[in-house]
N, C-alpha and C. Protein backbone atom coordinates (compact mmCIF):
# COMPACT_ATOMS: atom_id res chain seq x y z
N MET A 1 -39.87 -17.09 60.37
CA MET A 1 -39.62 -16.28 61.53
C MET A 1 -39.25 -14.88 61.06
N PRO A 2 -39.72 -13.86 61.74
CA PRO A 2 -39.37 -12.52 61.32
C PRO A 2 -37.86 -12.32 61.35
N VAL A 3 -37.36 -11.71 60.32
CA VAL A 3 -35.95 -11.36 60.30
C VAL A 3 -35.90 -9.86 60.08
N ALA A 4 -36.05 -9.12 61.14
CA ALA A 4 -35.99 -7.67 61.07
C ALA A 4 -34.67 -7.23 61.67
N ILE A 5 -34.15 -6.15 61.19
CA ILE A 5 -32.91 -5.62 61.76
C ILE A 5 -33.28 -4.75 62.94
N PRO A 6 -32.96 -5.18 64.16
CA PRO A 6 -33.34 -4.39 65.33
C PRO A 6 -32.50 -3.13 65.44
N HIS A 7 -33.08 -2.12 66.04
CA HIS A 7 -32.38 -0.87 66.31
C HIS A 7 -32.00 -0.84 67.78
N PHE A 8 -30.79 -0.41 68.09
CA PHE A 8 -30.32 -0.39 69.47
C PHE A 8 -30.18 1.03 69.96
N ASP A 9 -30.47 1.24 71.25
CA ASP A 9 -30.29 2.56 71.84
C ASP A 9 -28.90 2.64 72.47
N ALA A 10 -28.65 3.71 73.22
CA ALA A 10 -27.32 3.95 73.78
C ALA A 10 -26.87 2.86 74.75
N GLN A 11 -27.82 2.19 75.43
CA GLN A 11 -27.46 1.10 76.35
C GLN A 11 -27.46 -0.25 75.65
N ASN A 12 -27.47 -0.25 74.32
CA ASN A 12 -27.44 -1.47 73.53
C ASN A 12 -28.69 -2.33 73.76
N GLN A 13 -29.84 -1.68 73.98
CA GLN A 13 -31.11 -2.38 74.14
C GLN A 13 -31.90 -2.23 72.86
N VAL A 14 -32.65 -3.28 72.52
CA VAL A 14 -33.48 -3.23 71.32
C VAL A 14 -34.60 -2.23 71.56
N GLN A 15 -34.72 -1.24 70.64
CA GLN A 15 -35.77 -0.26 70.78
C GLN A 15 -37.13 -0.91 70.56
N GLY A 16 -38.08 -0.57 71.40
CA GLY A 16 -39.44 -1.07 71.27
C GLY A 16 -39.68 -2.39 71.98
N LEU A 17 -38.64 -3.09 72.37
CA LEU A 17 -38.81 -4.35 73.10
C LEU A 17 -38.19 -4.19 74.49
N PRO A 18 -38.89 -4.67 75.52
CA PRO A 18 -38.33 -4.53 76.87
C PRO A 18 -37.08 -5.38 77.04
N PRO A 19 -36.12 -4.90 77.82
CA PRO A 19 -34.91 -5.71 78.07
C PRO A 19 -35.26 -6.94 78.90
N ILE A 20 -34.58 -8.04 78.60
CA ILE A 20 -34.85 -9.29 79.30
C ILE A 20 -33.59 -9.78 80.00
N CYS A 21 -33.81 -10.67 80.96
CA CYS A 21 -32.70 -11.24 81.72
C CYS A 21 -32.66 -12.74 81.43
N LEU A 22 -31.64 -13.16 80.68
CA LEU A 22 -31.51 -14.56 80.33
C LEU A 22 -30.24 -15.12 80.94
N GLY A 23 -30.39 -15.99 81.92
CA GLY A 23 -29.24 -16.65 82.52
C GLY A 23 -29.09 -18.05 81.95
N LYS A 24 -27.92 -18.63 82.12
CA LYS A 24 -27.67 -19.97 81.59
C LYS A 24 -28.54 -21.04 82.26
N ASP A 25 -28.94 -20.81 83.50
CA ASP A 25 -29.74 -21.79 84.23
C ASP A 25 -31.25 -21.59 84.02
N LEU A 26 -31.62 -20.56 83.29
CA LEU A 26 -33.02 -20.25 83.10
C LEU A 26 -33.67 -21.25 82.15
N LYS A 27 -34.76 -21.86 82.58
CA LYS A 27 -35.49 -22.83 81.78
C LYS A 27 -36.76 -22.15 81.26
N LEU A 28 -36.78 -21.87 79.97
CA LEU A 28 -37.95 -21.26 79.34
C LEU A 28 -38.83 -22.37 78.79
N GLU A 29 -40.14 -22.17 78.85
CA GLU A 29 -41.08 -23.17 78.38
C GLU A 29 -42.18 -22.53 77.55
N ILE A 30 -42.67 -23.30 76.59
CA ILE A 30 -43.82 -22.89 75.79
C ILE A 30 -45.08 -23.25 76.58
N ARG A 31 -46.01 -22.31 76.62
CA ARG A 31 -47.26 -22.57 77.32
C ARG A 31 -48.40 -21.82 76.62
N PRO A 32 -49.65 -22.20 76.91
CA PRO A 32 -50.77 -21.45 76.34
C PRO A 32 -50.74 -20.01 76.84
N ALA A 33 -51.10 -19.08 75.99
CA ALA A 33 -51.16 -17.67 76.37
C ALA A 33 -52.32 -17.43 77.33
N THR A 34 -52.15 -16.42 78.17
CA THR A 34 -53.23 -15.97 79.06
C THR A 34 -53.50 -14.50 78.76
N VAL A 35 -54.57 -13.98 79.31
CA VAL A 35 -54.89 -12.58 79.06
C VAL A 35 -53.79 -11.66 79.60
N ALA A 36 -53.06 -12.12 80.60
CA ALA A 36 -51.95 -11.31 81.14
C ALA A 36 -50.82 -11.15 80.12
N ASP A 37 -50.78 -12.00 79.10
CA ASP A 37 -49.73 -11.94 78.08
C ASP A 37 -50.06 -11.02 76.91
N VAL A 38 -51.30 -10.57 76.82
CA VAL A 38 -51.77 -9.86 75.62
C VAL A 38 -50.93 -8.64 75.28
N HIS A 39 -50.66 -7.77 76.23
CA HIS A 39 -49.91 -6.56 75.88
C HIS A 39 -48.47 -6.88 75.48
N GLY A 40 -47.87 -7.88 76.09
CA GLY A 40 -46.53 -8.30 75.70
C GLY A 40 -46.52 -8.92 74.31
N MET A 41 -47.54 -9.73 74.00
CA MET A 41 -47.64 -10.31 72.67
C MET A 41 -47.83 -9.22 71.63
N SER A 42 -48.71 -8.27 71.92
CA SER A 42 -48.96 -7.18 70.99
C SER A 42 -47.69 -6.37 70.73
N ALA A 43 -46.94 -6.08 71.79
CA ALA A 43 -45.68 -5.32 71.63
C ALA A 43 -44.69 -6.08 70.77
N LEU A 44 -44.55 -7.39 71.02
CA LEU A 44 -43.61 -8.20 70.26
C LEU A 44 -44.02 -8.30 68.80
N ILE A 45 -45.27 -8.64 68.55
CA ILE A 45 -45.77 -8.77 67.18
C ILE A 45 -45.68 -7.45 66.44
N ASN A 46 -46.11 -6.37 67.08
CA ASN A 46 -46.14 -5.08 66.41
C ASN A 46 -44.76 -4.48 66.21
N HIS A 47 -43.79 -4.92 67.01
CA HIS A 47 -42.40 -4.53 66.76
C HIS A 47 -41.99 -4.98 65.36
N TYR A 48 -42.32 -6.22 65.00
CA TYR A 48 -41.98 -6.75 63.68
C TYR A 48 -42.93 -6.23 62.61
N ALA A 49 -44.19 -6.01 62.96
CA ALA A 49 -45.13 -5.46 62.00
C ALA A 49 -44.69 -4.07 61.54
N SER A 50 -44.04 -3.32 62.43
CA SER A 50 -43.57 -1.98 62.05
C SER A 50 -42.48 -2.04 60.99
N SER A 51 -41.83 -3.21 60.85
CA SER A 51 -40.83 -3.42 59.79
C SER A 51 -41.46 -4.14 58.59
N ASN A 52 -42.77 -4.31 58.61
CA ASN A 52 -43.53 -4.92 57.53
C ASN A 52 -43.16 -6.38 57.27
N VAL A 53 -42.77 -7.11 58.31
CA VAL A 53 -42.46 -8.53 58.14
C VAL A 53 -43.58 -9.43 58.66
N MET A 54 -44.59 -8.82 59.28
CA MET A 54 -45.77 -9.58 59.70
C MET A 54 -46.92 -8.61 59.91
N LEU A 55 -48.12 -9.16 60.10
CA LEU A 55 -49.30 -8.32 60.31
C LEU A 55 -49.39 -7.86 61.76
N ALA A 56 -49.83 -6.64 61.93
CA ALA A 56 -50.02 -6.09 63.28
C ALA A 56 -51.19 -6.80 63.96
N ARG A 57 -51.12 -6.87 65.27
CA ARG A 57 -52.21 -7.45 66.07
C ARG A 57 -52.41 -6.56 67.29
N GLY A 58 -53.61 -6.04 67.42
CA GLY A 58 -53.93 -5.19 68.56
C GLY A 58 -54.50 -6.00 69.71
N PRO A 59 -54.65 -5.38 70.87
CA PRO A 59 -55.17 -6.09 72.04
C PRO A 59 -56.54 -6.72 71.82
N GLN A 60 -57.45 -6.04 71.14
CA GLN A 60 -58.78 -6.61 70.94
C GLN A 60 -58.70 -7.93 70.18
N TYR A 61 -57.95 -7.95 69.09
CA TYR A 61 -57.78 -9.18 68.32
C TYR A 61 -57.17 -10.28 69.20
N LEU A 62 -56.15 -9.94 69.95
CA LEU A 62 -55.46 -10.95 70.78
C LEU A 62 -56.37 -11.48 71.89
N TYR A 63 -57.15 -10.61 72.53
CA TYR A 63 -58.09 -11.09 73.54
C TYR A 63 -59.12 -12.04 72.91
N GLN A 64 -59.63 -11.68 71.73
CA GLN A 64 -60.64 -12.50 71.07
C GLN A 64 -60.09 -13.84 70.59
N HIS A 65 -58.78 -13.91 70.35
CA HIS A 65 -58.17 -15.14 69.84
C HIS A 65 -57.15 -15.73 70.81
N ILE A 66 -57.25 -15.40 72.08
CA ILE A 66 -56.25 -15.81 73.07
C ILE A 66 -56.04 -17.31 73.09
N GLN A 67 -57.09 -18.08 72.85
CA GLN A 67 -56.96 -19.54 72.91
C GLN A 67 -56.15 -20.10 71.74
N ASP A 68 -55.92 -19.30 70.70
CA ASP A 68 -55.10 -19.73 69.57
C ASP A 68 -53.60 -19.64 69.87
N TYR A 69 -53.22 -18.84 70.86
CA TYR A 69 -51.81 -18.46 71.06
C TYR A 69 -51.07 -19.31 72.09
N MET A 70 -49.78 -19.46 71.80
CA MET A 70 -48.83 -20.05 72.73
C MET A 70 -47.71 -19.02 72.90
N VAL A 71 -47.10 -19.00 74.08
CA VAL A 71 -46.05 -18.01 74.36
C VAL A 71 -44.89 -18.64 75.10
N VAL A 72 -43.78 -17.93 75.09
CA VAL A 72 -42.63 -18.19 75.94
C VAL A 72 -42.36 -16.88 76.65
N THR A 73 -42.18 -16.92 77.97
CA THR A 73 -41.87 -15.70 78.72
C THR A 73 -40.55 -15.86 79.44
N ALA A 74 -39.93 -14.72 79.72
CA ALA A 74 -38.66 -14.68 80.45
C ALA A 74 -38.73 -13.50 81.42
N PRO A 75 -37.92 -13.53 82.47
CA PRO A 75 -37.91 -12.41 83.40
C PRO A 75 -37.43 -11.12 82.72
N ALA A 76 -38.05 -10.02 83.09
CA ALA A 76 -37.58 -8.72 82.64
C ALA A 76 -36.23 -8.46 83.30
N ARG A 77 -35.47 -7.54 82.74
CA ARG A 77 -34.16 -7.24 83.33
C ARG A 77 -34.28 -6.84 84.79
N ASP A 78 -35.35 -6.12 85.15
CA ASP A 78 -35.54 -5.72 86.55
C ASP A 78 -36.09 -6.88 87.40
N LYS A 79 -36.40 -8.01 86.77
CA LYS A 79 -36.90 -9.23 87.41
C LYS A 79 -38.20 -8.99 88.17
N ASP A 80 -38.87 -7.89 87.84
CA ASP A 80 -40.12 -7.53 88.49
C ASP A 80 -41.33 -8.19 87.83
N HIS A 81 -41.19 -8.54 86.58
CA HIS A 81 -42.30 -9.13 85.82
C HIS A 81 -41.75 -9.98 84.68
N GLU A 82 -42.66 -10.66 83.98
CA GLU A 82 -42.29 -11.51 82.84
C GLU A 82 -42.48 -10.74 81.53
N VAL A 83 -41.64 -11.06 80.55
CA VAL A 83 -41.71 -10.47 79.22
C VAL A 83 -41.99 -11.59 78.23
N VAL A 84 -42.93 -11.38 77.32
CA VAL A 84 -43.19 -12.35 76.25
C VAL A 84 -42.01 -12.28 75.28
N VAL A 85 -41.30 -13.41 75.12
CA VAL A 85 -40.12 -13.43 74.25
C VAL A 85 -40.37 -14.24 72.97
N ALA A 86 -41.47 -14.96 72.90
CA ALA A 86 -41.83 -15.68 71.68
C ALA A 86 -43.32 -15.97 71.72
N CYS A 87 -43.94 -15.97 70.55
CA CYS A 87 -45.36 -16.30 70.49
C CYS A 87 -45.72 -16.81 69.11
N GLY A 88 -46.87 -17.41 69.02
CA GLY A 88 -47.41 -17.89 67.76
C GLY A 88 -48.82 -18.39 67.98
N ALA A 89 -49.58 -18.52 66.90
CA ALA A 89 -50.97 -18.93 67.01
C ALA A 89 -51.31 -20.02 66.00
N LEU A 90 -52.27 -20.85 66.37
CA LEU A 90 -52.86 -21.84 65.48
C LEU A 90 -54.34 -21.49 65.39
N HIS A 91 -54.77 -21.06 64.21
CA HIS A 91 -56.15 -20.67 64.00
C HIS A 91 -56.85 -21.74 63.16
N VAL A 92 -57.82 -22.42 63.75
CA VAL A 92 -58.55 -23.47 63.05
C VAL A 92 -59.58 -22.81 62.14
N LEU A 93 -59.53 -23.18 60.85
CA LEU A 93 -60.46 -22.61 59.87
C LEU A 93 -61.60 -23.56 59.52
N TRP A 94 -61.32 -24.86 59.53
CA TRP A 94 -62.33 -25.84 59.17
C TRP A 94 -61.89 -27.19 59.73
N SER A 95 -62.65 -28.22 59.50
CA SER A 95 -62.35 -29.53 60.07
C SER A 95 -61.04 -30.11 59.56
N ASP A 96 -60.58 -29.66 58.41
CA ASP A 96 -59.37 -30.23 57.82
C ASP A 96 -58.27 -29.20 57.56
N LEU A 97 -58.40 -28.01 58.12
CA LEU A 97 -57.45 -26.96 57.78
C LEU A 97 -57.27 -25.95 58.92
N ALA A 98 -56.01 -25.65 59.22
CA ALA A 98 -55.67 -24.63 60.23
C ALA A 98 -54.54 -23.77 59.68
N GLU A 99 -54.40 -22.58 60.26
CA GLU A 99 -53.36 -21.65 59.84
C GLU A 99 -52.48 -21.27 61.03
N ILE A 100 -51.18 -21.25 60.79
CA ILE A 100 -50.24 -20.74 61.80
C ILE A 100 -50.09 -19.25 61.54
N ARG A 101 -50.16 -18.47 62.62
CA ARG A 101 -50.10 -17.01 62.52
C ARG A 101 -49.16 -16.44 63.58
N SER A 102 -48.69 -15.24 63.31
CA SER A 102 -48.02 -14.39 64.30
C SER A 102 -46.82 -15.02 65.01
N ILE A 103 -45.96 -15.71 64.27
CA ILE A 103 -44.74 -16.26 64.87
C ILE A 103 -43.76 -15.11 65.05
N ALA A 104 -43.39 -14.83 66.28
CA ALA A 104 -42.47 -13.73 66.58
C ALA A 104 -41.57 -14.13 67.75
N VAL A 105 -40.30 -13.75 67.64
CA VAL A 105 -39.32 -14.04 68.69
C VAL A 105 -38.55 -12.76 69.01
N HIS A 106 -38.47 -12.45 70.29
CA HIS A 106 -37.72 -11.28 70.77
C HIS A 106 -36.30 -11.34 70.22
N ALA A 107 -35.78 -10.21 69.80
CA ALA A 107 -34.43 -10.15 69.22
C ALA A 107 -33.38 -10.73 70.17
N GLY A 108 -33.59 -10.58 71.47
CA GLY A 108 -32.65 -11.11 72.45
C GLY A 108 -32.68 -12.63 72.58
N CYS A 109 -33.67 -13.27 71.96
CA CYS A 109 -33.80 -14.74 72.04
C CYS A 109 -33.66 -15.41 70.67
N GLN A 110 -33.41 -14.64 69.64
CA GLN A 110 -33.27 -15.27 68.33
C GLN A 110 -31.99 -16.09 68.28
N GLY A 111 -32.01 -17.11 67.43
CA GLY A 111 -30.88 -18.01 67.32
C GLY A 111 -30.91 -19.14 68.33
N GLN A 112 -31.98 -19.24 69.12
CA GLN A 112 -32.12 -20.30 70.13
C GLN A 112 -33.23 -21.28 69.77
N ASN A 113 -33.72 -21.21 68.54
CA ASN A 113 -34.75 -22.12 68.01
C ASN A 113 -36.14 -21.93 68.61
N TRP A 114 -36.41 -20.79 69.23
CA TRP A 114 -37.74 -20.60 69.81
C TRP A 114 -38.82 -20.50 68.75
N GLY A 115 -38.51 -19.91 67.61
CA GLY A 115 -39.48 -19.85 66.52
C GLY A 115 -39.85 -21.25 66.05
N LYS A 116 -38.84 -22.08 65.84
CA LYS A 116 -39.07 -23.46 65.41
C LYS A 116 -39.83 -24.24 66.48
N LYS A 117 -39.48 -24.04 67.74
CA LYS A 117 -40.16 -24.76 68.82
C LYS A 117 -41.64 -24.36 68.93
N ILE A 118 -41.92 -23.08 68.73
CA ILE A 118 -43.32 -22.62 68.74
C ILE A 118 -44.07 -23.27 67.59
N VAL A 119 -43.48 -23.27 66.38
CA VAL A 119 -44.13 -23.89 65.23
C VAL A 119 -44.38 -25.37 65.51
N GLN A 120 -43.39 -26.07 66.05
CA GLN A 120 -43.56 -27.50 66.37
C GLN A 120 -44.70 -27.71 67.37
N ALA A 121 -44.79 -26.87 68.37
CA ALA A 121 -45.87 -26.98 69.36
C ALA A 121 -47.23 -26.76 68.71
N LEU A 122 -47.31 -25.80 67.79
CA LEU A 122 -48.57 -25.53 67.10
C LEU A 122 -48.94 -26.67 66.16
N VAL A 123 -47.96 -27.26 65.49
CA VAL A 123 -48.21 -28.41 64.63
C VAL A 123 -48.69 -29.59 65.47
N GLU A 124 -48.08 -29.80 66.63
CA GLU A 124 -48.54 -30.87 67.53
C GLU A 124 -49.96 -30.63 67.99
N ARG A 125 -50.30 -29.38 68.26
CA ARG A 125 -51.68 -29.02 68.63
C ARG A 125 -52.63 -29.37 67.49
N CYS A 126 -52.20 -29.11 66.27
CA CYS A 126 -52.98 -29.44 65.08
C CYS A 126 -53.21 -30.96 65.00
N ARG A 127 -52.15 -31.71 65.24
CA ARG A 127 -52.28 -33.18 65.25
C ARG A 127 -53.26 -33.64 66.33
N ALA A 128 -53.15 -33.07 67.51
CA ALA A 128 -54.04 -33.45 68.61
C ALA A 128 -55.50 -33.16 68.27
N LEU A 129 -55.73 -32.12 67.49
CA LEU A 129 -57.08 -31.77 67.07
C LEU A 129 -57.52 -32.59 65.85
N GLN A 130 -56.62 -33.42 65.32
CA GLN A 130 -56.85 -34.28 64.16
C GLN A 130 -57.15 -33.47 62.89
N ILE A 131 -56.41 -32.39 62.73
CA ILE A 131 -56.53 -31.55 61.54
C ILE A 131 -55.39 -31.95 60.61
N PRO A 132 -55.69 -32.42 59.40
CA PRO A 132 -54.66 -33.00 58.53
C PRO A 132 -53.77 -32.01 57.77
N ARG A 133 -54.17 -30.73 57.72
CA ARG A 133 -53.36 -29.75 56.97
C ARG A 133 -53.23 -28.46 57.78
N VAL A 134 -52.02 -27.92 57.75
CA VAL A 134 -51.78 -26.62 58.38
C VAL A 134 -50.98 -25.79 57.39
N PHE A 135 -51.37 -24.53 57.25
CA PHE A 135 -50.67 -23.67 56.30
C PHE A 135 -50.27 -22.37 56.97
N VAL A 136 -49.46 -21.62 56.24
CA VAL A 136 -49.01 -20.31 56.70
C VAL A 136 -48.84 -19.42 55.48
N PHE A 137 -49.12 -18.15 55.63
CA PHE A 137 -48.73 -17.14 54.65
C PHE A 137 -47.54 -16.44 55.26
N THR A 138 -46.43 -16.35 54.52
CA THR A 138 -45.19 -15.87 55.12
C THR A 138 -44.29 -15.15 54.12
N LEU A 139 -43.38 -14.37 54.66
CA LEU A 139 -42.28 -13.79 53.88
C LEU A 139 -40.99 -14.55 54.18
N GLU A 140 -41.04 -15.48 55.12
CA GLU A 140 -39.86 -16.22 55.57
C GLU A 140 -39.95 -17.68 55.13
N MET A 141 -39.87 -17.89 53.81
CA MET A 141 -40.04 -19.23 53.26
C MET A 141 -38.99 -20.22 53.77
N GLU A 142 -37.75 -19.79 53.87
CA GLU A 142 -36.68 -20.70 54.29
C GLU A 142 -36.92 -21.21 55.71
N PHE A 143 -37.34 -20.34 56.60
CA PHE A 143 -37.65 -20.76 57.97
C PHE A 143 -38.71 -21.86 57.97
N PHE A 144 -39.80 -21.64 57.23
CA PHE A 144 -40.87 -22.63 57.24
C PHE A 144 -40.49 -23.90 56.47
N ARG A 145 -39.62 -23.79 55.47
CA ARG A 145 -39.10 -25.01 54.82
C ARG A 145 -38.38 -25.88 55.85
N LYS A 146 -37.58 -25.24 56.70
CA LYS A 146 -36.86 -25.98 57.74
C LYS A 146 -37.82 -26.61 58.75
N CYS A 147 -39.03 -26.10 58.82
CA CYS A 147 -40.05 -26.65 59.72
C CYS A 147 -40.92 -27.69 59.00
N GLY A 148 -40.59 -28.02 57.76
CA GLY A 148 -41.31 -29.07 57.03
C GLY A 148 -42.45 -28.61 56.16
N PHE A 149 -42.55 -27.32 55.91
CA PHE A 149 -43.61 -26.79 55.05
C PHE A 149 -43.11 -26.69 53.61
N THR A 150 -44.03 -26.79 52.64
CA THR A 150 -43.70 -26.63 51.23
C THR A 150 -44.62 -25.58 50.62
N GLU A 151 -44.12 -24.92 49.58
CA GLU A 151 -44.93 -23.91 48.90
C GLU A 151 -46.10 -24.57 48.19
N PHE A 152 -47.19 -23.83 48.07
CA PHE A 152 -48.37 -24.34 47.36
C PHE A 152 -49.07 -23.17 46.69
N ASN A 153 -49.97 -23.51 45.78
CA ASN A 153 -50.75 -22.51 45.05
C ASN A 153 -51.88 -22.02 45.96
N ARG A 154 -51.80 -20.78 46.36
CA ARG A 154 -52.77 -20.20 47.31
C ARG A 154 -54.20 -20.30 46.82
N GLU A 155 -54.40 -20.23 45.51
CA GLU A 155 -55.74 -20.25 44.95
C GLU A 155 -56.45 -21.59 45.17
N GLU A 156 -55.71 -22.62 45.59
CA GLU A 156 -56.30 -23.93 45.84
C GLU A 156 -56.96 -24.01 47.22
N LEU A 157 -56.79 -22.98 48.03
CA LEU A 157 -57.39 -22.98 49.36
C LEU A 157 -58.90 -22.76 49.28
N PRO A 158 -59.64 -23.30 50.24
CA PRO A 158 -61.10 -23.15 50.23
C PRO A 158 -61.52 -21.70 50.51
N PRO A 159 -62.76 -21.36 50.17
CA PRO A 159 -63.26 -19.98 50.35
C PRO A 159 -63.14 -19.44 51.78
N ILE A 160 -63.19 -20.29 52.79
CA ILE A 160 -63.10 -19.82 54.17
C ILE A 160 -61.81 -19.04 54.40
N VAL A 161 -60.74 -19.43 53.73
CA VAL A 161 -59.46 -18.72 53.86
C VAL A 161 -59.59 -17.31 53.31
N TRP A 162 -60.26 -17.16 52.21
CA TRP A 162 -60.36 -15.85 51.56
C TRP A 162 -61.27 -14.91 52.36
N VAL A 163 -62.21 -15.46 53.11
CA VAL A 163 -63.01 -14.61 54.01
C VAL A 163 -62.08 -13.97 55.02
N GLU A 164 -61.17 -14.78 55.59
CA GLU A 164 -60.18 -14.26 56.54
C GLU A 164 -59.26 -13.26 55.85
N CYS A 165 -58.77 -13.62 54.67
CA CYS A 165 -57.82 -12.75 53.95
C CYS A 165 -58.44 -11.41 53.58
N SER A 166 -59.74 -11.38 53.33
CA SER A 166 -60.38 -10.13 52.92
C SER A 166 -60.32 -9.08 54.02
N LYS A 167 -60.04 -9.49 55.28
CA LYS A 167 -59.92 -8.56 56.40
C LYS A 167 -58.51 -7.99 56.53
N CYS A 168 -57.59 -8.52 55.74
CA CYS A 168 -56.18 -8.15 55.86
C CYS A 168 -55.88 -6.87 55.07
N PRO A 169 -55.05 -6.00 55.64
CA PRO A 169 -54.68 -4.78 54.91
C PRO A 169 -53.86 -5.05 53.65
N LYS A 170 -53.27 -6.24 53.53
CA LYS A 170 -52.49 -6.59 52.34
C LYS A 170 -53.33 -7.29 51.27
N PHE A 171 -54.63 -7.39 51.46
CA PHE A 171 -55.47 -8.21 50.61
C PHE A 171 -55.28 -7.94 49.12
N TYR A 172 -55.23 -6.69 48.73
CA TYR A 172 -55.14 -6.38 47.29
C TYR A 172 -53.72 -6.43 46.75
N ARG A 173 -52.73 -6.42 47.62
CA ARG A 173 -51.33 -6.50 47.18
C ARG A 173 -50.54 -7.39 48.13
N CYS A 174 -50.98 -8.61 48.26
CA CYS A 174 -50.33 -9.54 49.18
C CYS A 174 -48.99 -9.98 48.61
N ASP A 175 -47.96 -9.88 49.43
CA ASP A 175 -46.61 -10.29 49.01
C ASP A 175 -46.15 -11.56 49.73
N GLU A 176 -47.07 -12.18 50.47
CA GLU A 176 -46.72 -13.36 51.24
C GLU A 176 -46.87 -14.63 50.39
N VAL A 177 -46.08 -15.63 50.72
CA VAL A 177 -46.09 -16.91 50.02
C VAL A 177 -46.85 -17.92 50.87
N GLY A 178 -47.68 -18.72 50.24
CA GLY A 178 -48.40 -19.77 50.93
C GLY A 178 -47.54 -21.01 51.05
N MET A 179 -47.49 -21.57 52.26
CA MET A 179 -46.75 -22.81 52.51
C MET A 179 -47.64 -23.72 53.35
N ILE A 180 -47.53 -25.02 53.11
CA ILE A 180 -48.43 -25.98 53.75
C ILE A 180 -47.65 -27.18 54.27
N LYS A 181 -48.23 -27.81 55.28
CA LYS A 181 -47.67 -29.04 55.83
C LYS A 181 -48.82 -30.03 56.00
N PHE A 182 -48.63 -31.23 55.46
CA PHE A 182 -49.63 -32.29 55.61
C PHE A 182 -49.23 -33.15 56.78
N LEU A 183 -50.16 -33.42 57.68
CA LEU A 183 -49.84 -34.17 58.90
C LEU A 183 -50.31 -35.62 58.80
């Protein structure tokens, strides 16, 4: 899970993320993302990408991969609309391999296990699709260890992974660690 140090403005709001309204009776749920969530997902992901803890994702990428994503939304402080407070994706690469991507949790919701819950939902999706292995490239090894992933030698991955990686801006100087979970 991204661990970025948020910056606060004069009203003690996280800069770059919309203020949210979380009451004790509020029941948040994980659900498949819709196109209406794209700009909120992009804002949340890119908030952390600006701190170099994850890859940026623009609207075009998110629209093209919308079926990969799951989200959690909460009411905005003005209660006029919903704000994406957590998201993540499961990208199927082959019949036996999928990748978890873009796990992000709004600073106002961290510490409530939403990152872990999103990962669990994506792993369950992987099981439902009968995919026996799921991996992640991450800077947050401890978080993924707690989710049941173990480190592995990235070079053991099939060529399809490297086709995807070649599109990444970190390709020539990747600092992420590969972690895998066998289902």
